[in-house]
């Protein structure tokens, strides 16, 4: 499971880095103009802290894989992360409208890739918890 934890860590860091391109890809310059100053700043701030959280989670998985897989505290951390990613998987299907991706080749591909990624993370972390 340590290998899967390290793979997860690398993928989480890549996802964090991808956040750098979100403002341009999602046209936040145009889209956020419609929002009040507080909502604009909250959107940008929250996106930054999501990316930071992903980066730190990835670094934790890479640098502390043995502790996460072999200690009681690691098991509790794995449980928390497993529940987190399982809930994120649920949001993928019930929080976002299927109108955002259905009938669109690229968006459907991204939806499937990230659904598989959230499932993978959930399984990795929950298996670690239940193995200890």
N, C-alpha and C. Protein backbone atom coordinates (compact mmCIF):
# COMPACT_ATOMS: atom_id res chain seq x y z
N UNK A 1 0.82 -1.21 0.00
CA UNK A 1 0.00 0.00 0.00
C UNK A 1 0.86 1.27 0.00
N UNK A 2 2.09 1.13 0.45
CA UNK A 2 2.97 2.31 0.44
C UNK A 2 3.16 2.84 -0.97
N UNK A 3 3.29 1.94 -1.93
CA UNK A 3 3.46 2.38 -3.32
C UNK A 3 2.23 3.15 -3.79
N UNK A 4 1.04 2.63 -3.48
CA UNK A 4 -0.19 3.32 -3.88
C UNK A 4 -0.31 4.68 -3.19
N UNK A 5 0.17 4.75 -1.96
CA UNK A 5 0.14 6.02 -1.24
C UNK A 5 1.07 7.03 -1.92
N UNK A 6 2.22 6.57 -2.35
CA UNK A 6 3.16 7.47 -3.04
C UNK A 6 2.62 7.89 -4.40
N UNK A 7 2.00 6.96 -5.11
CA UNK A 7 1.36 7.31 -6.39
C UNK A 7 0.27 8.35 -6.15
N UNK A 8 -0.54 8.13 -5.12
CA UNK A 8 -1.58 9.08 -4.77
C UNK A 8 -0.98 10.45 -4.47
N UNK A 9 0.12 10.45 -3.75
CA UNK A 9 0.79 11.70 -3.42
C UNK A 9 1.24 12.47 -4.65
N UNK A 10 1.84 11.78 -5.58
CA UNK A 10 2.28 12.42 -6.83
C UNK A 10 1.08 12.98 -7.59
N UNK A 11 0.01 12.20 -7.68
CA UNK A 11 -1.18 12.65 -8.39
C UNK A 11 -1.82 13.86 -7.71
N UNK A 12 -1.83 13.87 -6.38
CA UNK A 12 -2.39 15.01 -5.66
C UNK A 12 -1.55 16.28 -5.89
N UNK A 13 -0.24 16.12 -5.93
CA UNK A 13 0.62 17.28 -6.21
C UNK A 13 0.38 17.78 -7.63
N UNK A 14 0.24 16.87 -8.58
CA UNK A 14 -0.07 17.29 -9.95
C UNK A 14 -1.40 18.03 -10.02
N UNK A 15 -2.39 17.56 -9.27
CA UNK A 15 -3.68 18.25 -9.24
C UNK A 15 -3.53 19.64 -8.63
N UNK A 16 -2.72 19.75 -7.59
CA UNK A 16 -2.48 21.06 -6.98
C UNK A 16 -1.85 22.01 -7.99
N UNK A 17 -0.88 21.53 -8.73
CA UNK A 17 -0.20 22.36 -9.73
C UNK A 17 -1.18 22.75 -10.84
N UNK A 18 -2.08 21.85 -11.21
CA UNK A 18 -3.07 22.16 -12.24
C UNK A 18 -3.92 23.38 -11.87
N UNK A 19 -4.09 23.62 -10.57
CA UNK A 19 -4.90 24.76 -10.12
C UNK A 19 -4.33 26.09 -10.61
N UNK A 20 -3.06 26.12 -10.94
CA UNK A 20 -2.45 27.36 -11.44
C UNK A 20 -3.16 27.81 -12.72
N UNK A 21 -3.57 26.87 -13.54
CA UNK A 21 -4.22 27.20 -14.80
C UNK A 21 -5.72 27.42 -14.72
N UNK A 22 -6.32 27.17 -13.57
CA UNK A 22 -7.77 27.30 -13.45
C UNK A 22 -8.29 28.70 -13.79
N UNK A 23 -7.69 29.77 -13.26
CA UNK A 23 -8.24 31.10 -13.57
C UNK A 23 -8.33 31.38 -15.07
N UNK A 24 -7.32 30.99 -15.82
CA UNK A 24 -7.35 31.22 -17.27
C UNK A 24 -8.35 30.28 -17.94
N UNK A 25 -8.27 28.99 -17.63
CA UNK A 25 -9.14 28.01 -18.29
C UNK A 25 -10.62 28.31 -18.04
N UNK A 26 -10.95 28.64 -16.80
CA UNK A 26 -12.35 28.89 -16.45
C UNK A 26 -12.75 30.36 -16.63
N UNK A 27 -11.84 31.16 -17.20
CA UNK A 27 -12.10 32.57 -17.52
C UNK A 27 -12.58 33.36 -16.29
N UNK A 28 -11.85 33.18 -15.19
CA UNK A 28 -12.25 33.85 -13.96
C UNK A 28 -12.20 35.37 -14.07
N UNK A 29 -11.29 35.89 -14.91
CA UNK A 29 -11.23 37.34 -15.10
C UNK A 29 -12.57 37.90 -15.54
N UNK A 30 -13.22 37.21 -16.45
CA UNK A 30 -14.52 37.64 -16.97
C UNK A 30 -15.64 37.21 -16.01
N UNK A 31 -15.60 35.94 -15.61
CA UNK A 31 -16.67 35.39 -14.77
C UNK A 31 -16.78 36.07 -13.41
N UNK A 32 -15.65 36.39 -12.81
CA UNK A 32 -15.67 36.95 -11.46
C UNK A 32 -16.01 38.44 -11.44
N UNK A 33 -15.98 39.09 -12.61
CA UNK A 33 -16.34 40.52 -12.66
C UNK A 33 -17.75 40.75 -12.15
N UNK A 34 -18.62 39.77 -12.33
CA UNK A 34 -20.03 39.88 -11.95
C UNK A 34 -20.23 39.80 -10.43
N UNK A 35 -19.20 39.34 -9.72
CA UNK A 35 -19.33 39.12 -8.28
C UNK A 35 -18.92 40.35 -7.48
N UNK A 36 -19.41 40.40 -6.26
CA UNK A 36 -18.97 41.45 -5.34
C UNK A 36 -17.51 41.20 -4.98
N UNK A 37 -16.84 42.22 -4.45
CA UNK A 37 -15.43 42.10 -4.09
C UNK A 37 -15.20 40.95 -3.11
N UNK A 38 -16.04 40.81 -2.11
CA UNK A 38 -15.85 39.74 -1.11
C UNK A 38 -15.97 38.37 -1.77
N UNK A 39 -16.94 38.20 -2.66
CA UNK A 39 -17.10 36.91 -3.32
C UNK A 39 -15.94 36.60 -4.28
N UNK A 40 -15.44 37.62 -4.98
CA UNK A 40 -14.26 37.43 -5.84
C UNK A 40 -13.08 36.95 -5.00
N UNK A 41 -12.84 37.68 -3.91
CA UNK A 41 -11.68 37.35 -3.08
C UNK A 41 -11.84 36.00 -2.40
N UNK A 42 -13.06 35.65 -2.00
CA UNK A 42 -13.28 34.34 -1.40
C UNK A 42 -13.02 33.23 -2.42
N UNK A 43 -13.45 33.43 -3.65
CA UNK A 43 -13.25 32.42 -4.70
C UNK A 43 -11.76 32.17 -4.92
N UNK A 44 -11.01 33.24 -5.07
CA UNK A 44 -9.57 33.11 -5.32
C UNK A 44 -8.86 32.54 -4.10
N UNK A 45 -9.21 33.03 -2.92
CA UNK A 45 -8.58 32.55 -1.69
C UNK A 45 -8.88 31.07 -1.47
N UNK A 46 -10.12 30.66 -1.65
CA UNK A 46 -10.47 29.26 -1.45
C UNK A 46 -9.79 28.36 -2.47
N UNK A 47 -9.69 28.81 -3.70
CA UNK A 47 -8.98 28.01 -4.72
C UNK A 47 -7.51 27.85 -4.33
N UNK A 48 -6.91 28.92 -3.83
CA UNK A 48 -5.51 28.84 -3.39
C UNK A 48 -5.35 27.83 -2.26
N UNK A 49 -6.24 27.88 -1.27
CA UNK A 49 -6.10 26.98 -0.13
C UNK A 49 -6.47 25.54 -0.47
N UNK A 50 -7.34 25.35 -1.44
CA UNK A 50 -7.60 23.98 -1.92
C UNK A 50 -6.33 23.43 -2.56
N UNK A 51 -5.70 24.24 -3.40
CA UNK A 51 -4.45 23.80 -4.05
C UNK A 51 -3.37 23.53 -3.00
N UNK A 52 -3.25 24.40 -2.02
CA UNK A 52 -2.27 24.21 -0.95
C UNK A 52 -2.56 22.93 -0.17
N UNK A 53 -3.83 22.70 0.15
CA UNK A 53 -4.22 21.48 0.85
C UNK A 53 -3.89 20.23 0.05
N UNK A 54 -4.13 20.27 -1.26
CA UNK A 54 -3.79 19.13 -2.12
C UNK A 54 -2.28 18.90 -2.13
N UNK A 55 -1.52 20.00 -2.22
CA UNK A 55 -0.06 19.90 -2.23
C UNK A 55 0.44 19.27 -0.93
N UNK A 56 -0.06 19.75 0.19
CA UNK A 56 0.37 19.23 1.49
C UNK A 56 -0.06 17.77 1.69
N UNK A 57 -1.26 17.45 1.23
CA UNK A 57 -1.73 16.07 1.31
C UNK A 57 -0.84 15.16 0.48
N UNK A 58 -0.48 15.62 -0.71
CA UNK A 58 0.41 14.84 -1.56
C UNK A 58 1.78 14.65 -0.94
N UNK A 59 2.33 15.72 -0.37
CA UNK A 59 3.64 15.62 0.29
C UNK A 59 3.58 14.67 1.48
N UNK A 60 2.49 14.73 2.23
CA UNK A 60 2.31 13.81 3.37
C UNK A 60 2.32 12.35 2.88
N UNK A 61 1.60 12.09 1.81
CA UNK A 61 1.54 10.72 1.28
C UNK A 61 2.90 10.23 0.81
N UNK A 62 3.67 11.11 0.20
CA UNK A 62 4.98 10.72 -0.32
C UNK A 62 6.01 10.56 0.80
N UNK A 63 6.04 11.52 1.71
CA UNK A 63 7.11 11.53 2.72
C UNK A 63 6.81 10.70 3.96
N UNK A 64 5.54 10.41 4.21
CA UNK A 64 5.18 9.69 5.44
C UNK A 64 4.39 8.41 5.15
N UNK A 65 4.64 7.81 4.01
CA UNK A 65 3.86 6.63 3.62
C UNK A 65 4.01 5.47 4.61
N UNK A 66 5.19 5.29 5.14
CA UNK A 66 5.38 4.18 6.09
C UNK A 66 4.60 4.44 7.39
N UNK A 67 4.65 5.67 7.88
CA UNK A 67 3.93 5.99 9.11
C UNK A 67 2.42 5.89 8.92
N UNK A 68 1.94 6.32 7.75
CA UNK A 68 0.51 6.25 7.50
C UNK A 68 0.04 4.81 7.40
N UNK A 69 0.86 3.94 6.81
CA UNK A 69 0.45 2.55 6.61
C UNK A 69 0.72 1.64 7.80
N UNK A 70 1.54 2.08 8.77
CA UNK A 70 1.94 1.16 9.83
C UNK A 70 1.73 1.65 11.26
N UNK A 71 1.05 2.78 11.44
CA UNK A 71 0.84 3.26 12.81
C UNK A 71 -0.65 3.54 13.04
N UNK A 72 -1.08 3.48 14.30
CA UNK A 72 -2.48 3.80 14.60
C UNK A 72 -2.86 5.24 14.20
N UNK A 73 -1.97 6.18 14.42
CA UNK A 73 -2.26 7.56 13.99
C UNK A 73 -2.37 7.64 12.47
N UNK A 74 -1.49 6.94 11.78
CA UNK A 74 -1.55 6.89 10.32
C UNK A 74 -2.88 6.33 9.83
N UNK A 75 -3.36 5.29 10.53
CA UNK A 75 -4.65 4.69 10.16
C UNK A 75 -5.78 5.69 10.32
N UNK A 76 -5.73 6.49 11.38
CA UNK A 76 -6.77 7.50 11.60
C UNK A 76 -6.69 8.60 10.53
N UNK A 77 -5.49 8.98 10.16
CA UNK A 77 -5.32 9.96 9.08
C UNK A 77 -5.87 9.37 7.78
N UNK A 78 -5.56 8.11 7.52
CA UNK A 78 -6.05 7.44 6.31
C UNK A 78 -7.57 7.37 6.30
N UNK A 79 -8.18 7.10 7.45
CA UNK A 79 -9.64 7.06 7.53
C UNK A 79 -10.22 8.43 7.17
N UNK A 80 -9.66 9.48 7.77
CA UNK A 80 -10.15 10.82 7.47
C UNK A 80 -10.03 11.16 6.00
N UNK A 81 -8.89 10.83 5.40
CA UNK A 81 -8.68 11.12 3.99
C UNK A 81 -9.57 10.23 3.11
N UNK A 82 -9.78 9.00 3.53
CA UNK A 82 -10.66 8.11 2.78
C UNK A 82 -12.09 8.62 2.76
N UNK A 83 -12.58 9.07 3.91
CA UNK A 83 -13.94 9.64 3.98
C UNK A 83 -14.01 10.92 3.15
N UNK A 84 -12.99 11.76 3.25
CA UNK A 84 -12.93 13.00 2.47
C UNK A 84 -13.08 12.71 0.98
N UNK A 85 -12.27 11.78 0.45
CA UNK A 85 -12.29 11.49 -0.98
C UNK A 85 -13.54 10.73 -1.40
N UNK A 86 -14.11 9.94 -0.51
CA UNK A 86 -15.36 9.27 -0.82
C UNK A 86 -16.49 10.30 -0.95
N UNK A 87 -16.50 11.28 -0.06
CA UNK A 87 -17.49 12.35 -0.17
C UNK A 87 -17.27 13.16 -1.44
N UNK A 88 -16.01 13.38 -1.80
CA UNK A 88 -15.72 14.11 -3.05
C UNK A 88 -16.22 13.32 -4.25
N UNK A 89 -16.11 12.01 -4.20
CA UNK A 89 -16.64 11.17 -5.27
C UNK A 89 -18.15 11.33 -5.38
N UNK A 90 -18.84 11.36 -4.26
CA UNK A 90 -20.30 11.56 -4.25
C UNK A 90 -20.67 12.91 -4.87
N UNK A 91 -19.91 13.94 -4.53
CA UNK A 91 -20.16 15.27 -5.09
C UNK A 91 -19.99 15.26 -6.60
N UNK A 92 -19.08 14.44 -7.10
CA UNK A 92 -18.86 14.35 -8.55
C UNK A 92 -20.16 13.98 -9.27
N UNK A 93 -20.99 13.16 -8.62
CA UNK A 93 -22.23 12.70 -9.25
C UNK A 93 -23.47 13.45 -8.78
N UNK A 94 -23.47 13.92 -7.54
CA UNK A 94 -24.68 14.53 -7.01
C UNK A 94 -24.56 16.03 -6.75
N UNK A 95 -23.35 16.56 -6.80
CA UNK A 95 -23.16 17.99 -6.55
C UNK A 95 -23.07 18.81 -7.82
N UNK A 96 -22.59 18.18 -8.89
CA UNK A 96 -22.46 18.85 -10.18
C UNK A 96 -23.55 18.33 -11.11
N UNK A 97 -24.14 19.22 -11.87
CA UNK A 97 -25.15 18.83 -12.84
C UNK A 97 -24.50 18.04 -13.98
N UNK A 98 -25.18 17.01 -14.42
CA UNK A 98 -24.68 16.23 -15.56
C UNK A 98 -24.72 17.06 -16.84
N UNK A 99 -25.45 18.16 -16.83
CA UNK A 99 -25.49 19.06 -17.99
C UNK A 99 -24.11 19.65 -18.28
N UNK A 100 -23.24 19.65 -17.27
CA UNK A 100 -21.90 20.20 -17.46
C UNK A 100 -21.02 19.28 -18.31
N UNK A 101 -21.36 18.00 -18.38
CA UNK A 101 -20.49 17.08 -19.10
C UNK A 101 -21.18 16.18 -20.12
N UNK A 102 -22.44 15.89 -19.94
CA UNK A 102 -23.13 14.96 -20.85
C UNK A 102 -23.16 15.52 -22.27
N UNK A 103 -22.81 14.64 -23.22
CA UNK A 103 -22.85 15.03 -24.62
C UNK A 103 -21.65 15.85 -25.07
N UNK A 104 -20.70 16.06 -24.15
CA UNK A 104 -19.49 16.82 -24.47
C UNK A 104 -18.30 15.89 -24.27
N UNK A 105 -17.62 15.57 -25.35
CA UNK A 105 -16.56 14.56 -25.32
C UNK A 105 -15.48 14.88 -24.28
N UNK A 106 -14.88 16.08 -24.34
CA UNK A 106 -13.79 16.44 -23.43
C UNK A 106 -14.26 16.44 -21.98
N UNK A 107 -15.40 17.09 -21.72
CA UNK A 107 -15.91 17.20 -20.35
C UNK A 107 -16.30 15.83 -19.79
N UNK A 108 -16.86 14.97 -20.64
CA UNK A 108 -17.20 13.62 -20.20
C UNK A 108 -15.94 12.83 -19.85
N UNK A 109 -14.91 12.98 -20.67
CA UNK A 109 -13.63 12.31 -20.40
C UNK A 109 -13.06 12.76 -19.06
N UNK A 110 -13.06 14.07 -18.84
CA UNK A 110 -12.56 14.62 -17.56
C UNK A 110 -13.40 14.11 -16.40
N UNK A 111 -14.72 14.08 -16.57
CA UNK A 111 -15.63 13.58 -15.52
C UNK A 111 -15.28 12.13 -15.17
N UNK A 112 -15.05 11.31 -16.16
CA UNK A 112 -14.73 9.89 -15.93
C UNK A 112 -13.36 9.76 -15.27
N UNK A 113 -12.38 10.49 -15.77
CA UNK A 113 -11.02 10.42 -15.20
C UNK A 113 -11.04 10.81 -13.73
N UNK A 114 -11.70 11.92 -13.41
CA UNK A 114 -11.71 12.35 -12.02
C UNK A 114 -12.57 11.46 -11.14
N UNK A 115 -13.63 10.89 -11.68
CA UNK A 115 -14.43 9.93 -10.90
C UNK A 115 -13.57 8.73 -10.52
N UNK A 116 -12.79 8.24 -11.48
CA UNK A 116 -11.89 7.11 -11.21
C UNK A 116 -10.82 7.53 -10.20
N UNK A 117 -10.30 8.75 -10.33
CA UNK A 117 -9.27 9.24 -9.40
C UNK A 117 -9.82 9.34 -7.98
N UNK A 118 -11.02 9.92 -7.82
CA UNK A 118 -11.60 10.04 -6.46
C UNK A 118 -11.86 8.65 -5.89
N UNK A 119 -12.31 7.73 -6.73
CA UNK A 119 -12.54 6.35 -6.27
C UNK A 119 -11.22 5.69 -5.85
N UNK A 120 -10.19 5.86 -6.65
CA UNK A 120 -8.87 5.31 -6.33
C UNK A 120 -8.37 5.82 -4.98
N UNK A 121 -8.44 7.14 -4.79
CA UNK A 121 -7.99 7.71 -3.51
C UNK A 121 -8.80 7.16 -2.35
N UNK A 122 -10.11 7.07 -2.52
CA UNK A 122 -10.97 6.54 -1.46
C UNK A 122 -10.56 5.12 -1.09
N UNK A 123 -10.37 4.30 -2.10
CA UNK A 123 -10.01 2.89 -1.86
C UNK A 123 -8.64 2.78 -1.18
N UNK A 124 -7.65 3.52 -1.68
CA UNK A 124 -6.30 3.46 -1.09
C UNK A 124 -6.35 3.79 0.39
N UNK A 125 -6.96 4.93 0.72
CA UNK A 125 -6.96 5.37 2.12
C UNK A 125 -7.81 4.46 3.00
N UNK A 126 -8.96 4.01 2.51
CA UNK A 126 -9.81 3.16 3.34
C UNK A 126 -9.21 1.77 3.53
N UNK A 127 -8.53 1.24 2.53
CA UNK A 127 -7.84 -0.05 2.71
C UNK A 127 -6.75 0.08 3.77
N UNK A 128 -6.01 1.18 3.74
CA UNK A 128 -4.98 1.39 4.75
C UNK A 128 -5.60 1.38 6.14
N UNK A 129 -6.71 2.09 6.29
CA UNK A 129 -7.37 2.12 7.61
C UNK A 129 -7.81 0.72 8.04
N UNK A 130 -8.43 -0.02 7.15
CA UNK A 130 -8.98 -1.33 7.54
C UNK A 130 -7.91 -2.41 7.66
N UNK A 131 -6.71 -2.19 7.12
CA UNK A 131 -5.63 -3.16 7.27
C UNK A 131 -4.99 -3.09 8.64
N UNK A 132 -5.04 -1.93 9.28
CA UNK A 132 -4.36 -1.82 10.59
C UNK A 132 -5.21 -2.29 11.72
